């Protein structure tokens, strides 16, 4: 039985691991700490292709017809 790669589906936005430099810039811009970010579980199917550990931050990029390109950030939890 073949497995389905959820990341290739049209409704699944792009997920990528955030670099330490980008994370520091993000946290400083909003005056927050990593613990203040919304959570996403490590076993989420959209994250399986990324090498993530607990505490990493993921950038989710979506295209919106009204807002253009928009990014969301989530903290990975086990």
Protein backbone atom coordinates (compact mmCIF):
# COMPACT_ATOMS: atom_id res chain seq x y z
CA UNK A 1 0.00 0.00 0.00
CA UNK A 2 1.41 3.39 -1.01
CA UNK A 3 1.58 6.17 1.56
CA UNK A 4 0.22 9.64 0.92
CA UNK A 5 2.57 12.63 1.20
CA UNK A 6 0.40 15.25 2.88
CA UNK A 7 2.89 18.04 2.07
CA UNK A 8 2.04 17.71 -1.64
CA UNK A 9 -1.66 18.43 -1.08
CA UNK A 10 -2.92 21.76 -2.39
CA UNK A 11 -4.56 22.70 0.93
CA UNK A 12 -1.45 22.13 3.07
CA UNK A 13 0.63 25.32 3.40
CA UNK A 14 4.43 25.37 3.31
CA UNK A 15 6.10 24.50 6.63
CA UNK A 16 9.75 25.24 7.36
CA UNK A 17 11.99 25.26 10.40
CA UNK A 18 12.94 28.76 11.59
CA UNK A 19 16.65 29.54 11.92
CA UNK A 20 18.06 30.80 15.23
CA UNK A 21 18.71 34.23 13.69
CA UNK A 22 15.15 34.55 12.33
CA UNK A 23 13.74 33.34 15.65
CA UNK A 24 15.71 35.93 17.64
CA UNK A 25 14.51 38.66 15.28
CA UNK A 26 10.88 37.48 15.55
CA UNK A 27 10.93 37.32 19.35
CA UNK A 28 12.53 40.76 19.61
CA UNK A 29 10.07 42.33 17.15
CA UNK A 30 7.06 41.15 19.15
CA UNK A 31 8.63 41.32 22.62
CA UNK A 32 7.73 37.71 23.40
CA UNK A 33 9.40 34.45 24.37
CA UNK A 34 9.17 31.10 22.58
CA UNK A 35 6.70 29.86 25.21
CA UNK A 36 4.24 32.56 24.12
CA UNK A 37 3.90 31.14 20.60
CA UNK A 38 0.98 28.86 19.75
CA UNK A 39 1.83 25.14 19.76
CA UNK A 40 1.91 22.50 17.05
CA UNK A 41 2.49 18.84 17.84
CA UNK A 42 5.66 17.16 16.62
CA UNK A 43 3.63 14.27 15.17
CA UNK A 44 1.55 16.60 12.94
CA UNK A 45 1.59 15.02 9.44
CA UNK A 46 2.70 18.30 7.82
CA UNK A 47 5.87 18.29 9.96
CA UNK A 48 7.02 14.73 9.30
CA UNK A 49 9.43 15.75 6.53
CA UNK A 50 11.22 18.21 8.84
CA UNK A 51 13.84 17.21 11.40
CA UNK A 52 12.27 18.89 14.43
CA UNK A 53 12.68 18.55 18.15
CA UNK A 54 10.69 19.84 21.09
CA UNK A 55 11.04 23.64 21.33
CA UNK A 56 11.83 24.29 17.65
CA UNK A 57 9.77 26.92 15.84
CA UNK A 58 8.04 26.36 12.50
CA UNK A 59 7.05 29.04 10.00
CA UNK A 60 3.82 28.29 8.12
CA UNK A 61 3.44 30.31 4.91
CA UNK A 62 0.05 30.67 3.23
CA UNK A 63 -1.20 32.59 0.23
CA UNK A 64 -4.40 34.53 0.74
CA UNK A 65 -6.42 36.23 -1.98
CA UNK A 66 -7.14 39.17 0.33
CA UNK A 67 -4.02 39.41 2.52
CA UNK A 68 -1.38 38.18 0.06
CA UNK A 69 1.43 36.08 1.54
CA UNK A 70 1.06 35.59 5.28
CA UNK A 71 3.19 33.71 7.80
CA UNK A 72 2.30 32.05 11.08
CA UNK A 73 4.74 30.78 13.69
CA UNK A 74 4.24 27.74 15.90
CA UNK A 75 6.31 26.19 18.69
CA UNK A 76 6.85 22.42 18.34
CA UNK A 77 5.83 20.30 21.34
CA UNK A 78 6.04 16.57 21.87
